[in-house]
Amino acid sequence: MCYLEGFYKGIMMMGPAEGQRVEEAKPVIKEFMIKENMACIYYEPESEVISRSEDKCCVALKFQWLLEYGEESWKNEVKEHIGSDKF
């Protein structure tokens, strides 16, 4: 009950959606956070995933399969990052 009241009747008091109802502000905040690299879009299956061989699958969003392991540009970026104070 509290969540529904806040979502449909609550008003944002600060940020890029200040003055908007929470219901209207949700997509605005989502877009803002993604644009500012504060969040990423996350998907997960809505039900159990079974492979064609009838194995139960563990599904995860992974980006490393896109890496070309022989490519020097990303290796240099990683080495720089490891040597920085942000690591």
PDB file of N, CA and C in Angstrom:
ATOM      1  N   MET A   1       0.825  -1.181   0.000  1.00  0.00           N
ATOM      2  CA  MET A   1       0.000   0.000   0.000  1.00  0.00           C
ATOM      3  C   MET A   1       0.883   1.263   0.000  1.00  0.00           C
ATOM      4  N   CYS A   2       1.915   1.227   0.833  1.00  0.00           N
ATOM      5  CA  CYS A   2       2.827   2.373   0.923  1.00  0.00           C
ATOM      6  C   CYS A   2       3.549   2.592  -0.412  1.00  0.00           C
ATOM      7  N   TYR A   3       4.032   1.492  -1.025  1.00  0.00           N
ATOM      8  CA  TYR A   3       4.728   1.596  -2.312  1.00  0.00           C
ATOM      9  C   TYR A   3       3.801   2.194  -3.366  1.00  0.00           C
ATOM     10  N   LEU A   4       2.567   1.699  -3.437  1.00  0.00           N
ATOM     11  CA  LEU A   4       1.625   2.186  -4.458  1.00  0.00           C
ATOM     12  C   LEU A   4       1.323   3.666  -4.279  1.00  0.00           C
ATOM     13  N   GLU A   5       1.123   4.089  -3.035  1.00  0.00           N
ATOM     14  CA  GLU A   5       0.868   5.510  -2.767  1.00  0.00           C
ATOM     15  C   GLU A   5       2.050   6.364  -3.228  1.00  0.00           C
ATOM     16  N   GLY A   6       3.264   5.930  -2.862  1.00  0.00           N
ATOM     17  CA  GLY A   6       4.460   6.673  -3.243  1.00  0.00           C
ATOM     18  C   GLY A   6       4.674   6.695  -4.741  1.00  0.00           C
ATOM     19  N   PHE A   7       4.425   5.567  -5.395  1.00  0.00           N
ATOM     20  CA  PHE A   7       4.665   5.465  -6.837  1.00  0.00           C
ATOM     21  C   PHE A   7       3.682   6.309  -7.638  1.00  0.00           C
ATOM     22  N   TYR A   8       2.409   6.232  -7.296  1.00  0.00           N
ATOM     23  CA  TYR A   8       1.395   6.924  -8.094  1.00  0.00           C
ATOM     24  C   TYR A   8       1.103   8.349  -7.633  1.00  0.00           C
ATOM     25  N   LYS A   9       1.398   8.675  -6.387  1.00  0.00           N
ATOM     26  CA  LYS A   9       1.065  10.011  -5.893  1.00  0.00           C
ATOM     27  C   LYS A   9       2.276  10.813  -5.429  1.00  0.00           C
ATOM     28  N   GLY A  10       3.427  10.145  -5.251  1.00  0.00           N
ATOM     29  CA  GLY A  10       4.624  10.831  -4.770  1.00  0.00           C
ATOM     30  C   GLY A  10       5.191  11.783  -5.813  1.00  0.00           C
ATOM     31  N   ILE A  11       5.824  12.845  -5.355  1.00  0.00           N
ATOM     32  CA  ILE A  11       6.430  13.858  -6.225  1.00  0.00           C
ATOM     33  C   ILE A  11       7.929  13.890  -5.962  1.00  0.00           C
ATOM     34  N   MET A  12       8.721  13.860  -7.033  1.00  0.00           N
ATOM     35  CA  MET A  12      10.176  13.924  -6.909  1.00  0.00           C
ATOM     36  C   MET A  12      10.563  15.312  -6.416  1.00  0.00           C
ATOM     37  N   MET A  13      11.476  15.365  -5.451  1.00  0.00           N
ATOM     38  CA  MET A  13      11.843  16.634  -4.841  1.00  0.00           C
ATOM     39  C   MET A  13      13.192  17.155  -5.313  1.00  0.00           C
ATOM     40  N   MET A  14      13.942  16.363  -6.085  1.00  0.00           N
ATOM     41  CA  MET A  14      15.247  16.804  -6.573  1.00  0.00           C
ATOM     42  C   MET A  14      15.634  15.987  -7.792  1.00  0.00           C
ATOM     43  N   GLY A  15      16.687  16.413  -8.449  1.00  0.00           N
ATOM     44  CA  GLY A  15      17.215  15.657  -9.583  1.00  0.00           C
ATOM     45  C   GLY A  15      16.571  16.035 -10.899  1.00  0.00           C
ATOM     46  N   PRO A  16      16.888  15.294 -11.955  1.00  0.00           N
ATOM     47  CA  PRO A  16      16.423  15.646 -13.292  1.00  0.00           C
ATOM     48  C   PRO A  16      14.912  15.530 -13.479  1.00  0.00           C
ATOM     49  N   ALA A  17      14.219  14.888 -12.554  1.00  0.00           N
ATOM     50  CA  ALA A  17      12.765  14.750 -12.664  1.00  0.00           C
ATOM     51  C   ALA A  17      12.044  15.505 -11.544  1.00  0.00           C
ATOM     52  N   GLU A  18      12.718  16.491 -10.978  1.00  0.00           N
ATOM     53  CA  GLU A  18      12.133  17.272  -9.879  1.00  0.00           C
ATOM     54  C   GLU A  18      10.768  17.820 -10.276  1.00  0.00           C
ATOM     55  N   GLY A  19       9.791  17.650  -9.375  1.00  0.00           N
ATOM     56  CA  GLY A  19       8.442  18.157  -9.614  1.00  0.00           C
ATOM     57  C   GLY A  19       7.532  17.164 -10.318  1.00  0.00           C
ATOM     58  N   GLN A  20       8.086  16.081 -10.857  1.00  0.00           N
ATOM     59  CA  GLN A  20       7.260  15.090 -11.551  1.00  0.00           C
ATOM     60  C   GLN A  20       6.797  14.014 -10.574  1.00  0.00           C
ATOM     61  N   ARG A  21       5.657  13.402 -10.918  1.00  0.00           N
ATOM     62  CA  ARG A  21       5.205  12.254 -10.133  1.00  0.00           C
ATOM     63  C   ARG A  21       6.201  11.114 -10.326  1.00  0.00           C
ATOM     64  N   VAL A  22       6.373  10.288  -9.321  1.00  0.00           N
ATOM     65  CA  VAL A  22       7.322   9.174  -9.367  1.00  0.00           C
ATOM     66  C   VAL A  22       7.028   8.293 -10.573  1.00  0.00           C
ATOM     67  N   GLU A  23       5.771   8.026 -10.824  1.00  0.00           N
ATOM     68  CA  GLU A  23       5.369   7.198 -11.966  1.00  0.00           C
ATOM     69  C   GLU A  23       5.918   7.765 -13.278  1.00  0.00           C
ATOM     70  N   GLU A  24       5.866   9.067 -13.449  1.00  0.00           N
ATOM     71  CA  GLU A  24       6.367   9.725 -14.667  1.00  0.00           C
ATOM     72  C   GLU A  24       7.890   9.845 -14.650  1.00  0.00           C
ATOM     73  N   ALA A  25       8.445   9.976 -13.461  1.00  0.00           N
ATOM     74  CA  ALA A  25       9.880  10.216 -13.320  1.00  0.00           C
ATOM     75  C   ALA A  25      10.718   8.959 -13.537  1.00  0.00           C
ATOM     76  N   LYS A  26      10.148   7.791 -13.307  1.00  0.00           N
ATOM     77  CA  LYS A  26      10.917   6.544 -13.381  1.00  0.00           C
ATOM     78  C   LYS A  26      11.667   6.390 -14.710  1.00  0.00           C
ATOM     79  N   PRO A  27      11.024   6.534 -15.878  1.00  0.00           N
ATOM     80  CA  PRO A  27      11.785   6.404 -17.133  1.00  0.00           C
ATOM     81  C   PRO A  27      12.783   7.545 -17.351  1.00  0.00           C
ATOM     82  N   VAL A  28      12.486   8.715 -16.826  1.00  0.00           N
ATOM     83  CA  VAL A  28      13.397   9.854 -16.943  1.00  0.00           C
ATOM     84  C   VAL A  28      14.679   9.577 -16.163  1.00  0.00           C
ATOM     85  N   ILE A  29      14.528   9.090 -14.939  1.00  0.00           N
ATOM     86  CA  ILE A  29      15.678   8.765 -14.088  1.00  0.00           C
ATOM     87  C   ILE A  29      16.470   7.609 -14.695  1.00  0.00           C
ATOM     88  N   LYS A  30      15.775   6.610 -15.212  1.00  0.00           N
ATOM     89  CA  LYS A  30      16.443   5.467 -15.847  1.00  0.00           C
ATOM     90  C   LYS A  30      17.326   5.954 -17.001  1.00  0.00           C
ATOM     91  N   GLU A  31      16.773   6.752 -17.887  1.00  0.00           N
ATOM     92  CA  GLU A  31      17.528   7.276 -19.034  1.00  0.00           C
ATOM     93  C   GLU A  31      18.718   8.117 -18.576  1.00  0.00           C
ATOM     94  N   PHE A  32      18.496   8.966 -17.560  1.00  0.00           N
ATOM     95  CA  PHE A  32      19.559   9.805 -17.025  1.00  0.00           C
ATOM     96  C   PHE A  32      20.695   8.953 -16.470  1.00  0.00           C
ATOM     97  N   MET A  33      20.351   7.946 -15.672  1.00  0.00           N
ATOM     98  CA  MET A  33      21.380   7.117 -15.047  1.00  0.00           C
ATOM     99  C   MET A  33      22.180   6.323 -16.077  1.00  0.00           C
ATOM    100  N   ILE A  34      21.528   5.831 -17.112  1.00  0.00           N
ATOM    101  CA  ILE A  34      22.236   5.102 -18.163  1.00  0.00           C
ATOM    102  C   ILE A  34      23.152   6.052 -18.924  1.00  0.00           C
ATOM    103  N   LYS A  35      22.650   7.229 -19.259  1.00  0.00           N
ATOM    104  CA  LYS A  35      23.440   8.221 -20.003  1.00  0.00           C
ATOM    105  C   LYS A  35      24.681   8.647 -19.217  1.00  0.00           C
ATOM    106  N   GLU A  36      24.555   8.762 -17.897  1.00  0.00           N
ATOM    107  CA  GLU A  36      25.654   9.201 -17.041  1.00  0.00           C
ATOM    108  C   GLU A  36      26.547   8.036 -16.573  1.00  0.00           C
ATOM    109  N   ASN A  37      26.335   6.857 -17.142  1.00  0.00           N
ATOM    110  CA  ASN A  37      27.085   5.650 -16.758  1.00  0.00           C
ATOM    111  C   ASN A  37      26.958   5.331 -15.267  1.00  0.00           C
ATOM    112  N   MET A  38      25.805   5.630 -14.708  1.00  0.00           N
ATOM    113  CA  MET A  38      25.529   5.316 -13.313  1.00  0.00           C
ATOM    114  C   MET A  38      24.767   3.992 -13.205  1.00  0.00           C
ATOM    115  N   ALA A  39      24.295   3.481 -14.354  1.00  0.00           N
ATOM    116  CA  ALA A  39      23.523   2.243 -14.381  1.00  0.00           C
ATOM    117  C   ALA A  39      23.630   1.636 -15.772  1.00  0.00           C
ATOM    118  N   CYS A  40      23.296   0.374 -15.858  1.00  0.00           N
ATOM    119  CA  CYS A  40      23.211  -0.287 -17.155  1.00  0.00           C
ATOM    120  C   CYS A  40      21.915  -1.082 -17.198  1.00  0.00           C
ATOM    121  N   ILE A  41      21.456  -1.366 -18.396  1.00  0.00           N
ATOM    122  CA  ILE A  41      20.232  -2.130 -18.545  1.00  0.00           C
ATOM    123  C   ILE A  41      20.536  -3.576 -18.172  1.00  0.00           C
ATOM    124  N   TYR A  42      19.680  -4.163 -17.370  1.00  0.00           N
ATOM    125  CA  TYR A  42      19.872  -5.516 -16.875  1.00  0.00           C
ATOM    126  C   TYR A  42      18.653  -6.354 -17.253  1.00  0.00           C
ATOM    127  N   TYR A  43      18.898  -7.498 -17.817  1.00  0.00           N
ATOM    128  CA  TYR A  43      17.820  -8.411 -18.176  1.00  0.00           C
ATOM    129  C   TYR A  43      18.037  -9.732 -17.457  1.00  0.00           C
ATOM    130  N   GLU A  44      16.965 -10.393 -17.113  1.00  0.00           N
ATOM    131  CA  GLU A  44      17.082 -11.752 -16.610  1.00  0.00           C
ATOM    132  C   GLU A  44      15.872 -12.535 -17.085  1.00  0.00           C
ATOM    133  N   PRO A  45      16.034 -13.835 -17.237  1.00  0.00           N
ATOM    134  CA  PRO A  45      14.916 -14.635 -17.742  1.00  0.00           C
ATOM    135  C   PRO A  45      13.747 -14.613 -16.767  1.00  0.00           C
ATOM    136  N   GLU A  46      12.543 -14.697 -17.320  1.00  0.00           N
ATOM    137  CA  GLU A  46      11.346 -14.659 -16.485  1.00  0.00           C
ATOM    138  C   GLU A  46      10.954 -16.039 -15.980  1.00  0.00           C
ATOM    139  N   SER A  47      11.570 -17.071 -16.536  1.00  0.00           N
ATOM    140  CA  SER A  47      11.282 -18.425 -16.078  1.00  0.00           C
ATOM    141  C   SER A  47      12.521 -19.283 -16.278  1.00  0.00           C
ATOM    142  N   GLU A  48      12.442 -20.522 -15.863  1.00  0.00           N
ATOM    143  CA  GLU A  48      13.568 -21.427 -15.994  1.00  0.00           C
ATOM    144  C   GLU A  48      13.953 -21.577 -17.467  1.00  0.00           C
ATOM    145  N   VAL A  49      15.247 -21.650 -17.733  1.00  0.00           N
ATOM    146  CA  VAL A  49      15.748 -21.787 -19.102  1.00  0.00           C
ATOM    147  C   VAL A  49      16.284 -23.203 -19.265  1.00  0.00           C
ATOM    148  N   ILE A  50      15.784 -23.901 -20.290  1.00  0.00           N
ATOM    149  CA  ILE A  50      16.199 -25.268 -20.582  1.00  0.00           C
ATOM    150  C   ILE A  50      16.793 -25.282 -21.991  1.00  0.00           C
ATOM    151  N   SER A  51      17.970 -25.911 -22.130  1.00  0.00           N
ATOM    152  CA  SER A  51      18.626 -25.989 -23.435  1.00  0.00           C
ATOM    153  C   SER A  51      17.953 -27.044 -24.312  1.00  0.00           C
ATOM    154  N   ARG A  52      18.338 -27.077 -25.577  1.00  0.00           N
ATOM    155  CA  ARG A  52      17.800 -28.093 -26.490  1.00  0.00           C
ATOM    156  C   ARG A  52      18.154 -29.505 -26.054  1.00  0.00           C
ATOM    157  N   SER A  53      19.262 -29.632 -25.323  1.00  0.00           N
ATOM    158  CA  SER A  53      19.659 -30.952 -24.819  1.00  0.00           C
ATOM    159  C   SER A  53      19.018 -31.247 -23.460  1.00  0.00           C
ATOM    160  N   GLU A  54      18.061 -30.411 -23.082  1.00  0.00           N
ATOM    161  CA  GLU A  54      17.272 -30.544 -21.859  1.00  0.00           C
ATOM    162  C   GLU A  54      18.065 -30.321 -20.578  1.00  0.00           C
ATOM    163  N   ASP A  55      19.186 -29.584 -20.678  1.00  0.00           N
ATOM    164  CA  ASP A  55      19.945 -29.201 -19.494  1.00  0.00           C
ATOM    165  C   ASP A  55      19.382 -27.908 -18.941  1.00  0.00           C
ATOM    166  N   LYS A  56      19.359 -27.787 -17.606  1.00  0.00           N
ATOM    167  CA  LYS A  56      18.969 -26.519 -16.992  1.00  0.00           C
ATOM    168  C   LYS A  56      20.117 -25.537 -17.197  1.00  0.00           C
ATOM    169  N   CYS A  57      19.788 -24.327 -17.544  1.00  0.00           N
ATOM    170  CA  CYS A  57      20.815 -23.335 -17.855  1.00  0.00           C
ATOM    171  C   CYS A  57      20.926 -22.288 -16.757  1.00  0.00           C
ATOM    172  N   CYS A  58      22.138 -21.852 -16.523  1.00  0.00           N
ATOM    173  CA  CYS A  58      22.408 -20.727 -15.660  1.00  0.00           C
ATOM    174  C   CYS A  58      22.690 -19.560 -16.591  1.00  0.00           C
ATOM    175  N   VAL A  59      21.822 -18.565 -16.591  1.00  0.00           N
ATOM    176  CA  VAL A  59      21.922 -17.465 -17.536  1.00  0.00           C
ATOM    177  C   VAL A  59      22.537 -16.258 -16.854  1.00  0.00           C
ATOM    178  N   ALA A  60      23.518 -15.644 -17.509  1.00  0.00           N
ATOM    179  CA  ALA A  60      24.155 -14.446 -16.968  1.00  0.00           C
ATOM    180  C   ALA A  60      24.509 -13.520 -18.119  1.00  0.00           C
ATOM    181  N   LEU A  61      24.464 -12.230 -17.845  1.00  0.00           N
ATOM    182  CA  LEU A  61      24.870 -11.246 -18.835  1.00  0.00           C
ATOM    183  C   LEU A  61      26.375 -11.079 -18.729  1.00  0.00           C
ATOM    184  N   LYS A  62      27.076 -11.481 -19.756  1.00  0.00           N
ATOM    185  CA  LYS A  62      28.538 -11.424 -19.766  1.00  0.00           C
ATOM    186  C   LYS A  62      28.978 -10.725 -21.039  1.00  0.00           C
ATOM    187  N   PHE A  63      29.929  -9.815 -20.908  1.00  0.00           N
ATOM    188  CA  PHE A  63      30.417  -9.095 -22.070  1.00  0.00           C
ATOM    189  C   PHE A  63      31.741  -9.644 -22.586  1.00  0.00           C
ATOM    190  N   GLN A  64      32.435 -10.451 -21.798  1.00  0.00           N
ATOM    191  CA  GLN A  64      33.781 -10.835 -22.182  1.00  0.00           C
ATOM    192  C   GLN A  64      33.840 -11.705 -23.434  1.00  0.00           C
ATOM    193  N   TRP A  65      32.757 -12.333 -23.824  1.00  0.00           N
ATOM    194  CA  TRP A  65      32.806 -13.141 -25.028  1.00  0.00           C
ATOM    195  C   TRP A  65      33.016 -12.276 -26.271  1.00  0.00           C
ATOM    196  N   LEU A  66      32.827 -10.992 -26.148  1.00  0.00           N
ATOM    197  CA  LEU A  66      33.041 -10.085 -27.274  1.00  0.00           C
ATOM    198  C   LEU A  66      34.502  -9.658 -27.410  1.00  0.00           C
ATOM    199  N   LEU A  67      35.306  -9.948 -26.406  1.00  0.00           N
ATOM    200  CA  LEU A  67      36.705  -9.525 -26.437  1.00  0.00           C
ATOM    201  C   LEU A  67      37.505 -10.315 -27.469  1.00  0.00           C
ATOM    202  N   GLU A  68      38.356  -9.618 -28.164  1.00  0.00           N
ATOM    203  CA  GLU A  68      39.335 -10.285 -29.011  1.00  0.00           C
ATOM    204  C   GLU A  68      40.621 -10.285 -28.201  1.00  0.00           C
ATOM    205  N   TYR A  69      41.000 -11.443 -27.722  1.00  0.00           N
ATOM    206  CA  TYR A  69      42.085 -11.530 -26.761  1.00  0.00           C
ATOM    207  C   TYR A  69      43.436 -11.104 -27.317  1.00  0.00           C
ATOM    208  N   GLY A  70      43.590 -11.053 -28.627  1.00  0.00           N
ATOM    209  CA  GLY A  70      44.856 -10.612 -29.203  1.00  0.00           C
ATOM    210  C   GLY A  70      44.907  -9.113 -29.445  1.00  0.00           C
ATOM    211  N   GLU A  71      43.814  -8.403 -29.186  1.00  0.00           N
ATOM    212  CA  GLU A  71      43.734  -6.968 -29.479  1.00  0.00           C
ATOM    213  C   GLU A  71      44.486  -6.161 -28.416  1.00  0.00           C
ATOM    214  N   GLU A  72      45.442  -5.368 -28.857  1.00  0.00           N
ATOM    215  CA  GLU A  72      46.297  -4.626 -27.922  1.00  0.00           C
ATOM    216  C   GLU A  72      45.594  -3.432 -27.272  1.00  0.00           C
ATOM    217  N   SER A  73      44.632  -2.811 -27.960  1.00  0.00           N
ATOM    218  CA  SER A  73      44.028  -1.581 -27.425  1.00  0.00           C
ATOM    219  C   SER A  73      43.362  -1.801 -26.072  1.00  0.00           C
ATOM    220  N   TRP A  74      42.561  -2.853 -25.934  1.00  0.00           N
ATOM    221  CA  TRP A  74      41.905  -3.057 -24.638  1.00  0.00           C
ATOM    222  C   TRP A  74      42.896  -3.555 -23.598  1.00  0.00           C
ATOM    223  N   LYS A  75      43.937  -4.287 -24.024  1.00  0.00           N
ATOM    224  CA  LYS A  75      44.950  -4.736 -23.070  1.00  0.00           C
ATOM    225  C   LYS A  75      45.661  -3.535 -22.456  1.00  0.00           C
ATOM    226  N   ASN A  76      45.969  -2.550 -23.287  1.00  0.00           N
ATOM    227  CA  ASN A  76      46.630  -1.345 -22.792  1.00  0.00           C
ATOM    228  C   ASN A  76      45.731  -0.566 -21.840  1.00  0.00           C
ATOM    229  N   GLU A  77      44.437  -0.498 -22.154  1.00  0.00           N
ATOM    230  CA  GLU A  77      43.492   0.188 -21.266  1.00  0.00           C
ATOM    231  C   GLU A  77      43.444  -0.499 -19.901  1.00  0.00           C
ATOM    232  N   VAL A  78      43.417  -1.825 -19.902  1.00  0.00           N
ATOM    233  CA  VAL A  78      43.381  -2.575 -18.649  1.00  0.00           C
ATOM    234  C   VAL A  78      44.662  -2.346 -17.856  1.00  0.00           C
ATOM    235  N   LYS A  79      45.796  -2.399 -18.540  1.00  0.00           N
ATOM    236  CA  LYS A  79      47.078  -2.188 -17.859  1.00  0.00           C
ATOM    237  C   LYS A  79      47.143  -0.785 -17.242  1.00  0.00           C
ATOM    238  N   GLU A  80      46.653   0.213 -17.984  1.00  0.00           N
ATOM    239  CA  GLU A  80      46.615   1.588 -17.454  1.00  0.00           C
ATOM    240  C   GLU A  80      45.731   1.660 -16.216  1.00  0.00           C
ATOM    241  N   HIS A  81      44.562   1.025 -16.312  1.00  0.00           N
ATOM    242  CA  HIS A  81      43.637   1.069 -15.196  1.00  0.00           C
ATOM    243  C   HIS A  81      44.227   0.400 -13.950  1.00  0.00           C
ATOM    244  N   ILE A  82      44.844  -0.755 -14.155  1.00  0.00           N
ATOM    245  CA  ILE A  82      45.451  -1.469 -13.027  1.00  0.00           C
ATOM    246  C   ILE A  82      46.522  -0.623 -12.350  1.00  0.00           C
ATOM    247  N   GLY A  83      47.246   0.158 -13.136  1.00  0.00           N
ATOM    248  CA  GLY A  83      48.317   1.003 -12.587  1.00  0.00           C
ATOM    249  C   GLY A  83      47.802   2.324 -12.021  1.00  0.00           C
ATOM    250  N   SER A  84      46.523   2.620 -12.204  1.00  0.00           N
ATOM    251  CA  SER A  84      45.998   3.909 -11.746  1.00  0.00           C
ATOM    252  C   SER A  84      45.514   3.840 -10.301  1.00  0.00           C
ATOM    253  N   ASP A  85      45.173   5.003  -9.746  1.00  0.00           N
ATOM    254  CA  ASP A  85      44.633   5.058  -8.376  1.00  0.00           C
ATOM    255  C   ASP A  85      43.153   4.693  -8.326  1.00  0.00           C
ATOM    256  N   LYS A  86      42.534   4.446  -9.478  1.00  0.00           N
ATOM    257  CA  LYS A  86      41.128   4.055  -9.518  1.00  0.00           C
ATOM    258  C   LYS A  86      40.942   2.548  -9.360  1.00  0.00           C
ATOM    259  N   PHE A  87      42.041   1.790  -9.416  1.00  0.00           N
ATOM    260  CA  PHE A  87      41.956   0.330  -9.338  1.00  0.00           C
ATOM    261  C   PHE A  87      41.911  -0.115  -7.892  1.00  0.00           C
TER     262      PHE A  87
END
